[in-house]
C-alpha atoms as a PDB file:
ATOM      1  CA  MET A   1      15.662  -7.822  -8.725  1.00  0.00           C
ATOM      2  CA  GLU A   2      14.937  -4.223  -9.476  1.00  0.00           C
ATOM      3  CA  PRO A   3      13.387  -2.231  -6.642  1.00  0.00           C
ATOM      4  CA  ILE A   4      10.084  -0.442  -7.138  1.00  0.00           C
ATOM      5  CA  GLN A   5      10.650   3.152  -8.190  1.00  0.00           C
ATOM      6  CA  TRP A   6       8.316   5.871  -6.966  1.00  0.00           C
ATOM      7  CA  SER A   7       6.876   7.875  -9.828  1.00  0.00           C
ATOM      8  CA  ARG A   8       4.570  10.835 -10.111  1.00  0.00           C
ATOM      9  CA  TRP A   9       1.919   8.445 -11.465  1.00  0.00           C
ATOM     10  CA  MET A  10       1.687   6.947  -7.973  1.00  0.00           C
ATOM     11  CA  SER A  11       0.985  10.264  -6.294  1.00  0.00           C
ATOM     12  CA  VAL A  12      -2.492  10.733  -4.900  1.00  0.00           C
ATOM     13  CA  GLY A  13      -1.776  14.415  -4.293  1.00  0.00           C
ATOM     14  CA  ILE A  14      -2.133  14.132  -0.520  1.00  0.00           C
ATOM     15  CA  ASP A  15       1.293  14.496   1.070  1.00  0.00           C
ATOM     16  CA  ASP A  16       0.718  12.255   4.103  1.00  0.00           C
ATOM     17  CA  LEU A  17      -0.693   9.426   1.991  1.00  0.00           C
ATOM     18  CA  ASP A  18       2.046   9.777  -0.607  1.00  0.00           C
ATOM     19  CA  GLU A  19       4.662   9.569   2.167  1.00  0.00           C
ATOM     20  CA  ASP A  20       2.998   6.428   3.521  1.00  0.00           C
ATOM     21  CA  HIS A  21       3.090   4.921   0.040  1.00  0.00           C
ATOM     22  CA  ARG A  22       6.796   5.742  -0.241  1.00  0.00           C
ATOM     23  CA  ILE A  23       7.425   4.010   3.095  1.00  0.00           C
ATOM     24  CA  LEU A  24       5.443   0.945   2.009  1.00  0.00           C
ATOM     25  CA  ILE A  25       7.540   0.825  -1.167  1.00  0.00           C
ATOM     26  CA  GLN A  26      10.725   1.093   0.920  1.00  0.00           C
ATOM     27  CA  ILE A  27       9.582  -1.846   3.038  1.00  0.00           C
ATOM     28  CA  VAL A  28       8.820  -3.996  -0.015  1.00  0.00           C
ATOM     29  CA  ASN A  29      12.084  -2.906  -1.649  1.00  0.00           C
ATOM     30  CA  LYS A  30      14.023  -4.515   1.194  1.00  0.00           C
ATOM     31  CA  LEU A  31      13.181  -7.730  -0.636  1.00  0.00           C
ATOM     32  CA  SER A  32      14.939  -6.523  -3.771  1.00  0.00           C
ATOM     33  CA  ASP A  33      18.224  -7.145  -1.910  1.00  0.00           C
ATOM     34  CA  ASP A  34      19.505 -10.623  -2.782  1.00  0.00           C
ATOM     35  CA  ALA A  35      20.669 -11.437   0.760  1.00  0.00           C
ATOM     36  CA  ASN A  36      17.284 -10.465   2.234  1.00  0.00           C
ATOM     37  CA  ARG A  37      15.399 -12.648  -0.257  1.00  0.00           C
ATOM     38  CA  HIS A  38      17.384 -15.696   0.834  1.00  0.00           C
ATOM     39  CA  ASP A  39      16.965 -15.300   4.597  1.00  0.00           C
ATOM     40  CA  PRO A  40      13.622 -16.650   5.855  1.00  0.00           C
ATOM     41  CA  ALA A  41      13.886 -14.708   9.136  1.00  0.00           C
ATOM     42  CA  VAL A  42      14.393 -11.442   7.230  1.00  0.00           C
ATOM     43  CA  ILE A  43      11.543 -12.223   4.833  1.00  0.00           C
ATOM     44  CA  GLU A  44       9.225 -12.922   7.759  1.00  0.00           C
ATOM     45  CA  ALA A  45      10.307  -9.704   9.512  1.00  0.00           C
ATOM     46  CA  ILE A  46       9.714  -7.694   6.334  1.00  0.00           C
ATOM     47  CA  LEU A  47       6.253  -9.221   5.932  1.00  0.00           C
ATOM     48  CA  ASP A  48       5.448  -8.398   9.565  1.00  0.00           C
ATOM     49  CA  GLU A  49       6.675  -4.820   9.081  1.00  0.00           C
ATOM     50  CA  LEU A  50       4.643  -4.507   5.889  1.00  0.00           C
ATOM     51  CA  ILE A  51       1.491  -5.743   7.616  1.00  0.00           C
ATOM     52  CA  ALA A  52       1.935  -3.384  10.567  1.00  0.00           C
ATOM     53  CA  TYR A  53       2.609  -0.349   8.391  1.00  0.00           C
ATOM     54  CA  THR A  54      -0.201  -1.277   6.010  1.00  0.00           C
ATOM     55  CA  ARG A  55      -2.669  -1.292   8.921  1.00  0.00           C
ATOM     56  CA  HIS A  56      -1.417   2.145   9.999  1.00  0.00           C
ATOM     57  CA  HIS A  57      -1.633   3.502   6.459  1.00  0.00           C
ATOM     58  CA  PHE A  58      -5.054   2.044   5.712  1.00  0.00           C
ATOM     59  CA  ALA A  59      -6.455   3.589   8.917  1.00  0.00           C
ATOM     60  CA  ALA A  60      -5.055   7.007   7.958  1.00  0.00           C
ATOM     61  CA  GLU A  61      -6.291   6.715   4.386  1.00  0.00           C
ATOM     62  CA  GLU A  62      -9.756   5.619   5.501  1.00  0.00           C
ATOM     63  CA  ALA A  63      -9.998   8.554   7.914  1.00  0.00           C
ATOM     64  CA  CYS A  64      -9.086  10.898   5.059  1.00  0.00           C
ATOM     65  CA  MET A  65     -11.717   9.285   2.846  1.00  0.00           C
ATOM     66  CA  GLN A  66     -14.386   9.679   5.518  1.00  0.00           C
ATOM     67  CA  ARG A  67     -13.504  13.362   6.024  1.00  0.00           C
ATOM     68  CA  SER A  68     -13.816  13.833   2.260  1.00  0.00           C
ATOM     69  CA  ASN A  69     -17.146  11.969   2.066  1.00  0.00           C
ATOM     70  CA  TYR A  70     -15.625   9.655  -0.529  1.00  0.00           C
ATOM     71  CA  PRO A  71     -18.637   8.035  -2.229  1.00  0.00           C
ATOM     72  CA  THR A  72     -17.039   4.582  -2.606  1.00  0.00           C
ATOM     73  CA  PHE A  73     -15.509   4.537   0.881  1.00  0.00           C
ATOM     74  CA  THR A  74     -17.258   1.311   1.906  1.00  0.00           C
ATOM     75  CA  ALA A  75     -15.986  -0.559  -1.143  1.00  0.00           C
ATOM     76  CA  HIS A  76     -12.485   0.858  -0.722  1.00  0.00           C
ATOM     77  CA  LYS A  77     -12.418  -0.136   2.968  1.00  0.00           C
ATOM     78  CA  ALA A  78     -13.561  -3.640   2.035  1.00  0.00           C
ATOM     79  CA  LEU A  79     -10.680  -3.782  -0.432  1.00  0.00           C
ATOM     80  CA  HIS A  80      -8.276  -2.680   2.320  1.00  0.00           C
ATOM     81  CA  ASP A  81      -9.632  -5.395   4.621  1.00  0.00           C
ATOM     82  CA  ALA A  82      -9.248  -8.030   1.899  1.00  0.00           C
ATOM     83  CA  LEU A  83      -5.703  -6.886   1.068  1.00  0.00           C
ATOM     84  CA  THR A  84      -4.707  -7.019   4.726  1.00  0.00           C
ATOM     85  CA  ARG A  85      -6.102 -10.560   5.061  1.00  0.00           C
ATOM     86  CA  GLN A  86      -4.355 -11.575   1.832  1.00  0.00           C
ATOM     87  CA  VAL A  87      -0.942 -10.378   3.030  1.00  0.00           C
ATOM     88  CA  GLU A  88      -1.489 -11.961   6.460  1.00  0.00           C
ATOM     89  CA  GLU A  89      -2.418 -15.280   4.822  1.00  0.00           C
ATOM     90  CA  TYR A  90       0.614 -15.041   2.570  1.00  0.00           C
ATOM     91  CA  ARG A  91       2.849 -14.445   5.611  1.00  0.00           C
ATOM     92  CA  ASP A  92       1.229 -17.372   7.438  1.00  0.00           C
ATOM     93  CA  ARG A  93       1.839 -19.666   4.443  1.00  0.00           C
ATOM     94  CA  PHE A  94       5.453 -18.513   4.328  1.00  0.00           C
ATOM     95  CA  VAL A  95       5.946 -19.067   8.077  1.00  0.00           C
ATOM     96  CA  ALA A  96       4.375 -22.531   7.868  1.00  0.00           C
ATOM     97  CA  ASN A  97       6.693 -23.638   5.071  1.00  0.00           C
ATOM     98  CA  HIS A  98       9.592 -21.395   4.060  1.00  0.00           C
ATOM     99  CA  GLU A  99      10.534 -23.698   1.199  1.00  0.00           C
ATOM    100  CA  SER A 100       7.120 -23.380  -0.448  1.00  0.00           C
ATOM    101  CA  ILE A 101       7.555 -19.686  -1.262  1.00  0.00           C
ATOM    102  CA  THR A 102      10.749 -18.025  -2.465  1.00  0.00           C
ATOM    103  CA  GLY A 103      11.905 -14.528  -1.582  1.00  0.00           C
ATOM    104  CA  GLU A 104      11.376 -13.600  -5.234  1.00  0.00           C
ATOM    105  CA  GLU A 105       7.759 -14.709  -5.016  1.00  0.00           C
ATOM    106  CA  VAL A 106       7.247 -12.676  -1.855  1.00  0.00           C
ATOM    107  CA  PHE A 107       8.735  -9.583  -3.537  1.00  0.00           C
ATOM    108  CA  ASP A 108       6.608 -10.075  -6.668  1.00  0.00           C
ATOM    109  CA  PHE A 109       3.457 -10.627  -4.629  1.00  0.00           C
ATOM    110  CA  CYS A 110       4.001  -7.578  -2.406  1.00  0.00           C
ATOM    111  CA  ALA A 111       5.112  -5.331  -5.255  1.00  0.00           C
ATOM    112  CA  GLY A 112       2.122  -6.433  -7.315  1.00  0.00           C
ATOM    113  CA  TRP A 113      -0.591  -5.778  -4.761  1.00  0.00           C
ATOM    114  CA  LEU A 114       0.989  -2.524  -3.612  1.00  0.00           C
ATOM    115  CA  GLY A 115       1.487  -1.172  -7.130  1.00  0.00           C
ATOM    116  CA  LYS A 116      -1.963  -2.170  -8.331  1.00  0.00           C
ATOM    117  CA  HIS A 117      -3.681  -0.743  -5.273  1.00  0.00           C
ATOM    118  CA  ILE A 118      -1.874   2.596  -5.427  1.00  0.00           C
ATOM    119  CA  LEU A 119      -2.117   3.026  -9.195  1.00  0.00           C
ATOM    120  CA  LYS A 120      -5.712   1.893  -9.531  1.00  0.00           C
ATOM    121  CA  GLU A 121      -7.603   2.570  -6.308  1.00  0.00           C
ATOM    122  CA  ASP A 122      -5.697   5.243  -4.396  1.00  0.00           C
ATOM    123  CA  THR A 123      -5.111   7.519  -7.366  1.00  0.00           C
ATOM    124  CA  ARG A 124      -8.879   7.413  -7.972  1.00  0.00           C
ATOM    125  CA  PHE A 125      -9.399   8.743  -4.441  1.00  0.00           C
ATOM    126  CA  GLY A 126      -6.667  11.339  -5.022  1.00  0.00           C
ATOM    127  CA  GLU A 127      -8.513  12.605  -8.082  1.00  0.00           C
ATOM    128  CA  TYR A 128     -11.740  12.832  -6.098  1.00  0.00           C
ATOM    129  CA  ALA A 129     -10.077  14.564  -3.150  1.00  0.00           C
ATOM    130  CA  GLY A 130      -8.227  16.991  -5.417  1.00  0.00           C
ATOM    131  CA  HIS A 131     -11.379  17.838  -7.304  1.00  0.00           C
ATOM    132  CA  GLY A 132     -13.279  18.317  -4.042  1.00  0.00           C
ATOM    133  CA  ALA A 133     -10.528  20.569  -2.682  1.00  0.00           C
ATOM    134  CA  ALA A 134     -10.661  22.656  -5.839  1.00  0.00           C
ATOM    135  CA  LEU A 135     -14.428  23.006  -5.476  1.00  0.00           C
ATOM    136  CA  VAL A 136     -14.129  24.009  -1.825  1.00  0.00           C
ATOM    137  CA  SER A 137     -11.488  26.610  -2.701  1.00  0.00           C
ATOM    138  CA  ALA A 138     -13.597  27.930  -5.571  1.00  0.00           C
ATOM    139  CA  ASN A 139     -16.706  28.188  -3.380  1.00  0.00           C
ATOM    140  CA  ALA A 140     -14.759  29.952  -0.621  1.00  0.00           C
ATOM    141  CA  ALA A 141     -13.609  32.589  -3.103  1.00  0.00           C
ATOM    142  CA  VAL A 142     -17.194  33.416  -4.169  1.00  0.00           C
END
């Protein structure tokens, strides 16, 4: 399986959030390794690591959104909460029956939700935050 490649299209333009996204991608990419995908204990550990880091990242991102007065913060936070529950439920299903979900499925699932969330939702916030920063800088110069 090919690992997820970071691209400039994933950048939200906020260094700390972009670094978190890179780390999340690194965690998911551990499942691109064939040996990892075939070891249930490793898959479970990767899912646990992903959940823990996702919680950390979502808290940081939400704090940034609140500081920026992001107008769709409530909806974005609800999406974060739903994504966290979804990954936790996926991990619980995997733990309950390792044979029911393959390592490939876990990789595809994680890569899919991470990629979609960054490319669709987080870049939207990045555009807002970048535009707001430009306005603040422009107003400060006046």
